Every structure is written in structure tokens, then in C-alpha cells.
Amino acid sequence: TGKYRLSTKCVLEGFSRGGLYAYNFAAANPGKVAAIYGDAPVCDFKS
């Protein structure tokens, strides 16, 4: 978003275990996320 000047907000795509990355990044950086698209996303590593 700085050097390459992409949009300050991205769409995060969490596929399977990628849901952990997408949601954790968004929760810590909500101002940097436009939307989350989860495809069978893992949302709890206890499961």
C-alpha cells in the first residue's frame, strides 16, 4: 500500500486454514480490510 500504492484496504480470502490468517490479520488491523471472503475457513484451531 505504500511503495506500490495498492488500495489501503484489501479483500482477504481465507481458504480452509487460511481463515486463521485472514481473520487474525483483520481483527488486529480492521482499518486495512475491505471484506473477508472465507471458503470453508478454519475459524477455531480447537476444532
All heavy atoms as atom14 arrays in JSON, in Angstrom:
{
  "sequence": "TGKYRLSTKCVLEGFSRGGLYAYNFAAANPGKVAAIYGDAPVCDFKS",
  "atom14_mask": [
    [1, 1, 1, 1, 1, 1, 1, 0, 0, 0, 0, 0, 0, 0],
    [1, 1, 1, 1, 0, 0, 0, 0, 0, 0, 0, 0, 0, 0],
    [1, 1, 1, 1, 1, 1, 1, 1, 1, 0, 0, 0, 0, 0],
    [1, 1, 1, 1, 1, 1, 1, 1, 1, 1, 1, 1, 0, 0],
    [1, 1, 1, 1, 1, 1, 1, 1, 1, 1, 1, 0, 0, 0],
    [1, 1, 1, 1, 1, 1, 1, 1, 0, 0, 0, 0, 0, 0],
    [1, 1, 1, 1, 1, 1, 0, 0, 0, 0, 0, 0, 0, 0],
    [1, 1, 1, 1, 1, 1, 1, 0, 0, 0, 0, 0, 0, 0],
    [1, 1, 1, 1, 1, 1, 1, 1, 1, 0, 0, 0, 0, 0],
    [1, 1, 1, 1, 1, 1, 0, 0, 0, 0, 0, 0, 0, 0],
    [1, 1, 1, 1, 1, 1, 1, 0, 0, 0, 0, 0, 0, 0],
    [1, 1, 1, 1, 1, 1, 1, 1, 0, 0, 0, 0, 0, 0],
    [1, 1, 1, 1, 1, 1, 1, 1, 1, 0, 0, 0, 0, 0],
    [1, 1, 1, 1, 0, 0, 0, 0, 0, 0, 0, 0, 0, 0],
    [1, 1, 1, 1, 1, 1, 1, 1, 1, 1, 1, 0, 0, 0],
    [1, 1, 1, 1, 1, 1, 0, 0, 0, 0, 0, 0, 0, 0],
    [1, 1, 1, 1, 1, 1, 1, 1, 1, 1, 1, 0, 0, 0],
    [1, 1, 1, 1, 0, 0, 0, 0, 0, 0, 0, 0, 0, 0],
    [1, 1, 1, 1, 0, 0, 0, 0, 0, 0, 0, 0, 0, 0],
    [1, 1, 1, 1, 1, 1, 1, 1, 0, 0, 0, 0, 0, 0],
    [1, 1, 1, 1, 1, 1, 1, 1, 1, 1, 1, 1, 0, 0],
    [1, 1, 1, 1, 1, 0, 0, 0, 0, 0, 0, 0, 0, 0],
    [1, 1, 1, 1, 1, 1, 1, 1, 1, 1, 1, 1, 0, 0],
    [1, 1, 1, 1, 1, 1, 1, 1, 0, 0, 0, 0, 0, 0],
    [1, 1, 1, 1, 1, 1, 1, 1, 1, 1, 1, 0, 0, 0],
    [1, 1, 1, 1, 1, 0, 0, 0, 0, 0, 0, 0, 0, 0],
    [1, 1, 1, 1, 1, 0, 0, 0, 0, 0, 0, 0, 0, 0],
    [1, 1, 1, 1, 1, 0, 0, 0, 0, 0, 0, 0, 0, 0],
    [1, 1, 1, 1, 1, 1, 1, 1, 0, 0, 0, 0, 0, 0],
    [1, 1, 1, 1, 1, 1, 1, 0, 0, 0, 0, 0, 0, 0],
    [1, 1, 1, 1, 0, 0, 0, 0, 0, 0, 0, 0, 0, 0],
    [1, 1, 1, 1, 1, 1, 1, 1, 1, 0, 0, 0, 0, 0],
    [1, 1, 1, 1, 1, 1, 1, 0, 0, 0, 0, 0, 0, 0],
    [1, 1, 1, 1, 1, 0, 0, 0, 0, 0, 0, 0, 0, 0],
    [1, 1, 1, 1, 1, 0, 0, 0, 0, 0, 0, 0, 0, 0],
    [1, 1, 1, 1, 1, 1, 1, 1, 0, 0, 0, 0, 0, 0],
    [1, 1, 1, 1, 1, 1, 1, 1, 1, 1, 1, 1, 0, 0],
    [1, 1, 1, 1, 0, 0, 0, 0, 0, 0, 0, 0, 0, 0],
    [1, 1, 1, 1, 1, 1, 1, 1, 0, 0, 0, 0, 0, 0],
    [1, 1, 1, 1, 1, 0, 0, 0, 0, 0, 0, 0, 0, 0],
    [1, 1, 1, 1, 1, 1, 1, 0, 0, 0, 0, 0, 0, 0],
    [1, 1, 1, 1, 1, 1, 1, 0, 0, 0, 0, 0, 0, 0],
    [1, 1, 1, 1, 1, 1, 0, 0, 0, 0, 0, 0, 0, 0],
    [1, 1, 1, 1, 1, 1, 1, 1, 0, 0, 0, 0, 0, 0],
    [1, 1, 1, 1, 1, 1, 1, 1, 1, 1, 1, 0, 0, 0],
    [1, 1, 1, 1, 1, 1, 1, 1, 1, 0, 0, 0, 0, 0],
    [1, 1, 1, 1, 1, 1, 0, 0, 0, 0, 0, 0, 0, 0]
  ],
  "atom14_positions": [
    [[0.82, -1.22, 0.0], [0.0, 0.0, 0.0], [0.85, 1.27, 0.0], [0.36, 2.33, -0.38], [-0.94, 0.02, 1.22], [-0.16, -0.04, 2.43], [-1.89, -1.16, 1.18], [0.0, 0.0, 0.0], [0.0, 0.0, 0.0], [0.0, 0.0, 0.0], [0.0, 0.0, 0.0], [0.0, 0.0, 0.0], [0.0, 0.0, 0.0], [0.0, 0.0, 0.0]],
    [[2.1, 1.14, 0.42], [3.0, 2.29, 0.44], [3.77, 2.41, -0.86], [3.45, 3.21, -1.74], [0.0, 0.0, 0.0], [0.0, 0.0, 0.0], [0.0, 0.0, 0.0], [0.0, 0.0, 0.0], [0.0, 0.0, 0.0], [0.0, 0.0, 0.0], [0.0, 0.0, 0.0], [0.0, 0.0, 0.0], [0.0, 0.0, 0.0], [0.0, 0.0, 0.0]],
    [[4.77, 1.58, -1.02], [5.65, 1.65, -2.2], [4.9, 1.4, -3.5], [5.14, 2.08, -4.5], [6.78, 0.63, -2.04], [7.79, 0.65, -3.16], [8.93, -0.31, -2.86], [9.98, -0.28, -3.96], [11.1, -1.2, -3.66], [0.0, 0.0, 0.0], [0.0, 0.0, 0.0], [0.0, 0.0, 0.0], [0.0, 0.0, 0.0], [0.0, 0.0, 0.0]],
    [[3.97, 0.43, -3.5], [3.28, 0.06, -4.74], [1.87, 0.64, -4.84], [1.17, 0.38, -5.8], [3.27, -1.46, -4.89], [4.67, -2.01, -4.96], [5.23, -2.67, -3.87], [5.47, -1.82, -6.08], [6.53, -3.14, -3.91], [6.77, -2.27, -6.13], [7.3, -2.94, -5.04], [8.59, -3.39, -5.08], [0.0, 0.0, 0.0], [0.0, 0.0, 0.0]],
    [[1.45, 1.37, -3.83], [0.24, 2.18, -3.83], [-1.02, 1.41, -4.22], [-1.9, 1.92, -4.91], [0.43, 3.4, -4.74], [1.59, 4.28, -4.32], [1.53, 5.68, -4.9], [1.51, 5.7, -6.35], [2.59, 5.65, -7.13], [3.79, 5.5, -6.59], [2.48, 5.71, -8.44], [0.0, 0.0, 0.0], [0.0, 0.0, 0.0], [0.0, 0.0, 0.0]],
    [[-1.12, 0.17, -3.74], [-2.39, -0.52, -3.85], [-3.36, 0.07, -2.83], [-2.96, 0.82, -1.94], [-2.21, -2.02, -3.61], [-1.34, -2.78, -4.62], [-1.36, -4.27, -4.31], [-1.79, -2.54, -6.05], [0.0, 0.0, 0.0], [0.0, 0.0, 0.0], [0.0, 0.0, 0.0], [0.0, 0.0, 0.0], [0.0, 0.0, 0.0], [0.0, 0.0, 0.0]],
    [[-4.63, -0.26, -2.96], [-5.64, 0.27, -2.05], [-5.25, 0.02, -0.6], [-4.68, -1.03, -0.27], [-6.98, -0.4, -2.33], [-7.94, -0.06, -1.35], [0.0, 0.0, 0.0], [0.0, 0.0, 0.0], [0.0, 0.0, 0.0], [0.0, 0.0, 0.0], [0.0, 0.0, 0.0], [0.0, 0.0, 0.0], [0.0, 0.0, 0.0], [0.0, 0.0, 0.0]],
    [[-5.54, 0.96, 0.27], [-5.2, 0.78, 1.68], [-5.99, -0.34, 2.33], [-5.6, -0.87, 3.38], [-5.45, 2.08, 2.47], [-6.81, 2.47, 2.31], [-4.54, 3.2, 1.97], [0.0, 0.0, 0.0], [0.0, 0.0, 0.0], [0.0, 0.0, 0.0], [0.0, 0.0, 0.0], [0.0, 0.0, 0.0], [0.0, 0.0, 0.0], [0.0, 0.0, 0.0]],
    [[-7.1, -0.72, 1.72], [-7.92, -1.82, 2.23], [-7.96, -2.95, 1.21], [-8.24, -2.73, 0.04], [-9.35, -1.36, 2.53], [-9.45, -0.38, 3.7], [-10.9, -0.09, 4.03], [-11.02, 0.82, 5.24], [-12.44, 1.02, 5.63], [0.0, 0.0, 0.0], [0.0, 0.0, 0.0], [0.0, 0.0, 0.0], [0.0, 0.0, 0.0], [0.0, 0.0, 0.0]],
    [[-7.69, -4.16, 1.68], [-7.69, -5.32, 0.79], [-8.87, -6.24, 1.11], [-9.46, -6.16, 2.19], [-6.38, -6.1, 0.93], [-6.13, -6.86, 2.56], [0.0, 0.0, 0.0], [0.0, 0.0, 0.0], [0.0, 0.0, 0.0], [0.0, 0.0, 0.0], [0.0, 0.0, 0.0], [0.0, 0.0, 0.0], [0.0, 0.0, 0.0], [0.0, 0.0, 0.0]],
    [[-9.19, -7.1, 0.17], [-10.11, -8.21, 0.42], [-9.26, -9.41, 0.83], [-8.34, -9.8, 0.12], [-10.93, -8.57, -0.83], [-11.71, -9.86, -0.6], [-11.87, -7.43, -1.19], [0.0, 0.0, 0.0], [0.0, 0.0, 0.0], [0.0, 0.0, 0.0], [0.0, 0.0, 0.0], [0.0, 0.0, 0.0], [0.0, 0.0, 0.0], [0.0, 0.0, 0.0]],
    [[-9.52, -9.96, 1.99], [-8.81, -11.13, 2.48], [-9.57, -12.38, 2.1], [-10.77, -12.49, 2.37], [-8.63, -11.07, 3.99], [-7.68, -10.0, 4.52], [-7.86, -9.82, 6.01], [-6.23, -10.37, 4.2], [0.0, 0.0, 0.0], [0.0, 0.0, 0.0], [0.0, 0.0, 0.0], [0.0, 0.0, 0.0], [0.0, 0.0, 0.0], [0.0, 0.0, 0.0]],
    [[-8.89, -13.33, 1.47], [-9.52, -14.57, 1.05], [-8.94, -15.71, 1.87], [-7.79, -16.12, 1.68], [-9.29, -14.81, -0.43], [-9.95, -16.06, -0.94], [-9.64, -16.32, -2.41], [-8.9, -15.52, -3.02], [-10.13, -17.34, -2.93], [0.0, 0.0, 0.0], [0.0, 0.0, 0.0], [0.0, 0.0, 0.0], [0.0, 0.0, 0.0], [0.0, 0.0, 0.0]],
    [[-9.73, -16.22, 2.81], [-9.27, -17.29, 3.68], [-9.8, -18.63, 3.23], [-10.97, -18.96, 3.48], [0.0, 0.0, 0.0], [0.0, 0.0, 0.0], [0.0, 0.0, 0.0], [0.0, 0.0, 0.0], [0.0, 0.0, 0.0], [0.0, 0.0, 0.0], [0.0, 0.0, 0.0], [0.0, 0.0, 0.0], [0.0, 0.0, 0.0], [0.0, 0.0, 0.0]],
    [[-8.96, -19.4, 2.57], [-9.35, -20.72, 2.09], [-8.88, -21.77, 3.1], [-7.69, -21.88, 3.39], [-8.71, -20.98, 0.71], [-9.3, -22.16, -0.02], [-10.2, -21.97, -1.06], [-8.95, -23.45, 0.32], [-10.74, -23.05, -1.74], [-9.48, -24.54, -0.34], [-10.38, -24.35, -1.38], [0.0, 0.0, 0.0], [0.0, 0.0, 0.0], [0.0, 0.0, 0.0]],
    [[-9.81, -22.53, 3.66], [-9.52, -23.57, 4.64], [-8.71, -22.98, 5.81], [-9.14, -22.0, 6.42], [-8.8, -24.74, 3.98], [-8.72, -25.85, 4.85], [0.0, 0.0, 0.0], [0.0, 0.0, 0.0], [0.0, 0.0, 0.0], [0.0, 0.0, 0.0], [0.0, 0.0, 0.0], [0.0, 0.0, 0.0], [0.0, 0.0, 0.0], [0.0, 0.0, 0.0]],
    [[-7.52, -23.52, 6.12], [-6.75, -22.99, 7.25], [-6.33, -21.55, 7.03], [-5.95, -20.87, 7.98], [-5.54, -23.87, 7.51], [-4.41, -23.77, 6.5], [-3.33, -24.8, 6.72], [-3.81, -26.15, 6.45], [-3.06, -27.25, 6.58], [-1.8, -27.14, 6.96], [-3.55, -28.44, 6.32], [0.0, 0.0, 0.0], [0.0, 0.0, 0.0], [0.0, 0.0, 0.0]],
    [[-6.45, -21.07, 5.81], [-6.18, -19.66, 5.54], [-7.13, -18.73, 6.27], [-6.86, -17.55, 6.42], [0.0, 0.0, 0.0], [0.0, 0.0, 0.0], [0.0, 0.0, 0.0], [0.0, 0.0, 0.0], [0.0, 0.0, 0.0], [0.0, 0.0, 0.0], [0.0, 0.0, 0.0], [0.0, 0.0, 0.0], [0.0, 0.0, 0.0], [0.0, 0.0, 0.0]],
    [[-8.27, -19.28, 6.75], [-9.18, -18.46, 7.53], [-8.54, -17.93, 8.8], [-8.84, -16.82, 9.25], [0.0, 0.0, 0.0], [0.0, 0.0, 0.0], [0.0, 0.0, 0.0], [0.0, 0.0, 0.0], [0.0, 0.0, 0.0], [0.0, 0.0, 0.0], [0.0, 0.0, 0.0], [0.0, 0.0, 0.0], [0.0, 0.0, 0.0], [0.0, 0.0, 0.0]],
    [[-7.64, -18.72, 9.41], [-6.96, -18.27, 10.62], [-6.13, -17.02, 10.34], [-6.11, -16.07, 11.12], [-6.07, -19.39, 11.18], [-6.8, -20.63, 11.72], [-5.8, -21.73, 12.03], [-7.62, -20.28, 12.96], [0.0, 0.0, 0.0], [0.0, 0.0, 0.0], [0.0, 0.0, 0.0], [0.0, 0.0, 0.0], [0.0, 0.0, 0.0], [0.0, 0.0, 0.0]],
    [[-5.43, -17.02, 9.2], [-4.61, -15.86, 8.83], [-5.5, -14.65, 8.52], [-5.23, -13.53, 8.98], [-3.76, -16.18, 7.6], [-2.81, -17.33, 7.75], [-3.22, -18.63, 7.47], [-1.5, -17.13, 8.17], [-2.35, -19.7, 7.6], [-0.61, -18.19, 8.28], [-1.04, -19.48, 8.01], [-0.19, -20.53, 8.12], [0.0, 0.0, 0.0], [0.0, 0.0, 0.0]],
    [[-6.54, -14.88, 7.74], [-7.39, -13.77, 7.31], [-8.07, -13.1, 8.49], [-8.03, -11.87, 8.64], [-8.43, -14.28, 6.31], [0.0, 0.0, 0.0], [0.0, 0.0, 0.0], [0.0, 0.0, 0.0], [0.0, 0.0, 0.0], [0.0, 0.0, 0.0], [0.0, 0.0, 0.0], [0.0, 0.0, 0.0], [0.0, 0.0, 0.0], [0.0, 0.0, 0.0]],
    [[-8.69, -13.89, 9.35], [-9.42, -13.31, 10.47], [-8.48, -12.7, 11.51], [-8.79, -11.65, 12.09], [-10.31, -14.37, 11.11], [-11.67, -14.44, 10.45], [-11.91, -15.33, 9.41], [-12.69, -13.59, 10.85], [-13.15, -15.38, 8.79], [-13.93, -13.63, 10.24], [-14.15, -14.53, 9.21], [-15.38, -14.55, 8.6], [0.0, 0.0, 0.0], [0.0, 0.0, 0.0]],
    [[-7.36, -13.34, 11.77], [-6.44, -12.78, 12.77], [-5.84, -11.46, 12.29], [-5.68, -10.53, 13.08], [-5.34, -13.79, 13.09], [-5.86, -14.96, 13.9], [-6.97, -14.93, 14.4], [-5.05, -16.01, 14.02], [0.0, 0.0, 0.0], [0.0, 0.0, 0.0], [0.0, 0.0, 0.0], [0.0, 0.0, 0.0], [0.0, 0.0, 0.0], [0.0, 0.0, 0.0]],
    [[-5.52, -11.38, 10.99], [-5.0, -10.12, 10.47], [-6.07, -9.04, 10.53], [-5.8, -7.9, 10.94], [-4.52, -10.29, 9.03], [-3.99, -9.02, 8.42], [-2.68, -8.62, 8.66], [-4.79, -8.22, 7.62], [-2.18, -7.44, 8.11], [-4.31, -7.04, 7.07], [-3.0, -6.65, 7.32], [0.0, 0.0, 0.0], [0.0, 0.0, 0.0], [0.0, 0.0, 0.0]],
    [[-7.29, -9.37, 10.15], [-8.36, -8.38, 10.14], [-8.7, -7.89, 11.55], [-8.94, -6.71, 11.76], [-9.61, -8.97, 9.48], [0.0, 0.0, 0.0], [0.0, 0.0, 0.0], [0.0, 0.0, 0.0], [0.0, 0.0, 0.0], [0.0, 0.0, 0.0], [0.0, 0.0, 0.0], [0.0, 0.0, 0.0], [0.0, 0.0, 0.0], [0.0, 0.0, 0.0]],
    [[-8.72, -8.79, 12.52], [-9.04, -8.4, 13.89], [-8.0, -7.44, 14.45], [-8.33, -6.52, 15.21], [-9.15, -9.63, 14.78], [0.0, 0.0, 0.0], [0.0, 0.0, 0.0], [0.0, 0.0, 0.0], [0.0, 0.0, 0.0], [0.0, 0.0, 0.0], [0.0, 0.0, 0.0], [0.0, 0.0, 0.0], [0.0, 0.0, 0.0], [0.0, 0.0, 0.0]],
    [[-6.73, -7.64, 14.06], [-5.66, -6.77, 14.54], [-5.54, -5.5, 13.71], [-4.98, -4.5, 14.19], [-4.33, -7.51, 14.52], [0.0, 0.0, 0.0], [0.0, 0.0, 0.0], [0.0, 0.0, 0.0], [0.0, 0.0, 0.0], [0.0, 0.0, 0.0], [0.0, 0.0, 0.0], [0.0, 0.0, 0.0], [0.0, 0.0, 0.0], [0.0, 0.0, 0.0]],
    [[-6.08, -5.52, 12.48], [-5.92, -4.39, 11.55], [-7.23, -4.11, 10.82], [-7.28, -4.13, 9.58], [-4.83, -4.7, 10.53], [-3.49, -5.02, 11.14], [-2.71, -4.13, 11.47], [-3.21, -6.32, 11.3], [0.0, 0.0, 0.0], [0.0, 0.0, 0.0], [0.0, 0.0, 0.0], [0.0, 0.0, 0.0], [0.0, 0.0, 0.0], [0.0, 0.0, 0.0]],
    [[-8.31, -3.84, 11.54], [-9.6, -3.69, 10.86], [-9.65, -2.55, 9.86], [-10.39, -2.62, 8.88], [-10.58, -3.45, 12.02], [-9.74, -2.97, 13.15], [-8.44, -3.66, 13.0], [0.0, 0.0, 0.0], [0.0, 0.0, 0.0], [0.0, 0.0, 0.0], [0.0, 0.0, 0.0], [0.0, 0.0, 0.0], [0.0, 0.0, 0.0], [0.0, 0.0, 0.0]],
    [[-8.83, -1.53, 10.04], [-8.82, -0.41, 9.11], [-8.13, -0.71, 7.8], [-8.15, 0.12, 6.88], [0.0, 0.0, 0.0], [0.0, 0.0, 0.0], [0.0, 0.0, 0.0], [0.0, 0.0, 0.0], [0.0, 0.0, 0.0], [0.0, 0.0, 0.0], [0.0, 0.0, 0.0], [0.0, 0.0, 0.0], [0.0, 0.0, 0.0], [0.0, 0.0, 0.0]],
    [[-7.54, -1.89, 7.68], [-6.81, -2.27, 6.46], [-7.56, -3.29, 5.63], [-7.02, -3.81, 4.65], [-5.43, -2.83, 6.84], [-4.56, -1.84, 7.6], [-3.25, -2.48, 8.04], [-2.41, -1.5, 8.87], [-1.16, -2.14, 9.37], [0.0, 0.0, 0.0], [0.0, 0.0, 0.0], [0.0, 0.0, 0.0], [0.0, 0.0, 0.0], [0.0, 0.0, 0.0]],
    [[-8.81, -3.59, 6.02], [-9.55, -4.68, 5.39], [-10.89, -4.18, 4.86], [-11.66, -3.56, 5.6], [-9.77, -5.83, 6.39], [-10.58, -6.95, 5.75], [-8.43, -6.35, 6.9], [0.0, 0.0, 0.0], [0.0, 0.0, 0.0], [0.0, 0.0, 0.0], [0.0, 0.0, 0.0], [0.0, 0.0, 0.0], [0.0, 0.0, 0.0], [0.0, 0.0, 0.0]],
    [[-11.17, -4.47, 3.59], [-12.44, -4.07, 2.99], [-13.51, -5.13, 3.2], [-14.68, -4.81, 3.41], [-12.26, -3.83, 1.49], [0.0, 0.0, 0.0], [0.0, 0.0, 0.0], [0.0, 0.0, 0.0], [0.0, 0.0, 0.0], [0.0, 0.0, 0.0], [0.0, 0.0, 0.0], [0.0, 0.0, 0.0], [0.0, 0.0, 0.0], [0.0, 0.0, 0.0]],
    [[-13.11, -6.4, 3.15], [-14.05, -7.51, 3.31], [-13.25, -8.78, 3.52], [-12.06, -8.84, 3.2], [-14.95, -7.65, 2.09], [0.0, 0.0, 0.0], [0.0, 0.0, 0.0], [0.0, 0.0, 0.0], [0.0, 0.0, 0.0], [0.0, 0.0, 0.0], [0.0, 0.0, 0.0], [0.0, 0.0, 0.0], [0.0, 0.0, 0.0], [0.0, 0.0, 0.0]],
    [[-13.91, -9.8, 4.05], [-13.31, -11.13, 4.17], [-14.18, -12.12, 3.41], [-15.39, -12.19, 3.63], [-13.2, -11.59, 5.64], [-12.28, -10.65, 6.43], [-12.66, -13.03, 5.72], [-12.2, -10.98, 7.92], [0.0, 0.0, 0.0], [0.0, 0.0, 0.0], [0.0, 0.0, 0.0], [0.0, 0.0, 0.0], [0.0, 0.0, 0.0], [0.0, 0.0, 0.0]],
    [[-13.55, -12.86, 2.52], [-14.23, -13.95, 1.81], [-13.64, -15.25, 2.33], [-12.46, -15.55, 2.12], [-14.03, -13.8, 0.31], [-14.36, -15.04, -0.5], [-15.49, -15.8, -0.21], [-13.55, -15.43, -1.55], [-15.79, -16.93, -0.95], [-13.84, -16.56, -2.3], [-14.96, -17.3, -2.0], [-15.25, -18.43, -2.72], [0.0, 0.0, 0.0], [0.0, 0.0, 0.0]],
    [[-14.43, -16.03, 3.04], [-13.97, -17.3, 3.58], [-14.56, -18.47, 2.82], [-15.77, -18.57, 2.66], [0.0, 0.0, 0.0], [0.0, 0.0, 0.0], [0.0, 0.0, 0.0], [0.0, 0.0, 0.0], [0.0, 0.0, 0.0], [0.0, 0.0, 0.0], [0.0, 0.0, 0.0], [0.0, 0.0, 0.0], [0.0, 0.0, 0.0], [0.0, 0.0, 0.0]],
    [[-13.67, -19.33, 2.3], [-14.12, -20.54, 1.6], [-13.79, -21.73, 2.5], [-12.63, -22.12, 2.62], [-13.4, -20.65, 0.26], [-14.07, -21.64, -0.68], [-14.53, -22.69, -0.19], [-14.15, -21.35, -1.89], [0.0, 0.0, 0.0], [0.0, 0.0, 0.0], [0.0, 0.0, 0.0], [0.0, 0.0, 0.0], [0.0, 0.0, 0.0], [0.0, 0.0, 0.0]],
    [[-14.8, -22.29, 3.16], [-14.61, -23.34, 4.17], [-13.49, -22.95, 5.13], [-12.55, -23.72, 5.34], [-14.32, -24.68, 3.51], [0.0, 0.0, 0.0], [0.0, 0.0, 0.0], [0.0, 0.0, 0.0], [0.0, 0.0, 0.0], [0.0, 0.0, 0.0], [0.0, 0.0, 0.0], [0.0, 0.0, 0.0], [0.0, 0.0, 0.0], [0.0, 0.0, 0.0]],
    [[-13.57, -21.76, 5.73], [-12.45, -21.25, 6.52], [-12.36, -21.88, 7.9], [-13.37, -22.13, 8.56], [-12.77, -19.76, 6.64], [-14.26, -19.7, 6.65], [-14.7, -20.8, 5.71], [0.0, 0.0, 0.0], [0.0, 0.0, 0.0], [0.0, 0.0, 0.0], [0.0, 0.0, 0.0], [0.0, 0.0, 0.0], [0.0, 0.0, 0.0], [0.0, 0.0, 0.0]],
    [[-11.13, -22.15, 8.34], [-10.9, -22.54, 9.73], [-11.02, -21.27, 10.58], [-10.32, -20.28, 10.33], [-9.5, -23.17, 9.91], [-9.23, -23.44, 11.38], [-9.39, -24.44, 9.1], [0.0, 0.0, 0.0], [0.0, 0.0, 0.0], [0.0, 0.0, 0.0], [0.0, 0.0, 0.0], [0.0, 0.0, 0.0], [0.0, 0.0, 0.0], [0.0, 0.0, 0.0]],
    [[-11.88, -21.31, 11.56], [-12.09, -20.15, 12.43], [-11.82, -20.46, 13.9], [-12.07, -19.62, 14.76], [-13.52, -19.63, 12.27], [-13.85, -18.92, 10.64], [0.0, 0.0, 0.0], [0.0, 0.0, 0.0], [0.0, 0.0, 0.0], [0.0, 0.0, 0.0], [0.0, 0.0, 0.0], [0.0, 0.0, 0.0], [0.0, 0.0, 0.0], [0.0, 0.0, 0.0]],
    [[-11.35, -21.68, 14.18], [-11.06, -22.06, 15.56], [-10.1, -23.24, 15.52], [-10.48, -24.34, 15.11], [-12.35, -22.46, 16.28], [-12.15, -22.67, 17.78], [-10.99, -22.78, 18.21], [-13.16, -22.74, 18.5], [0.0, 0.0, 0.0], [0.0, 0.0, 0.0], [0.0, 0.0, 0.0], [0.0, 0.0, 0.0], [0.0, 0.0, 0.0], [0.0, 0.0, 0.0]],
    [[-8.85, -23.03, 15.92], [-7.89, -24.14, 15.83], [-8.18, -25.25, 16.84], [-7.61, -26.33, 16.76], [-6.44, -23.67, 15.9], [-6.01, -22.94, 17.15], [-6.17, -23.46, 18.42], [-5.37, -21.7, 17.04], [-5.73, -22.81, 19.55], [-4.93, -21.02, 18.17], [-5.11, -21.58, 19.42], [0.0, 0.0, 0.0], [0.0, 0.0, 0.0], [0.0, 0.0, 0.0]],
    [[-9.09, -25.0, 17.78], [-9.5, -26.09, 18.68], [-10.29, -27.15, 17.9], [-10.26, -28.33, 18.23], [-10.34, -25.55, 19.83], [-9.58, -24.61, 20.77], [-10.35, -24.32, 22.04], [-11.67, -23.61, 21.77], [-11.46, -22.24, 21.22], [0.0, 0.0, 0.0], [0.0, 0.0, 0.0], [0.0, 0.0, 0.0], [0.0, 0.0, 0.0], [0.0, 0.0, 0.0]],
    [[-11.01, -26.7, 16.86], [-11.75, -27.63, 16.02], [-10.82, -28.31, 15.02], [-10.75, -29.53, 14.93], [-12.88, -26.88, 15.3], [-13.54, -27.74, 14.39], [0.0, 0.0, 0.0], [0.0, 0.0, 0.0], [0.0, 0.0, 0.0], [0.0, 0.0, 0.0], [0.0, 0.0, 0.0], [0.0, 0.0, 0.0], [0.0, 0.0, 0.0], [0.0, 0.0, 0.0]]
  ]
}
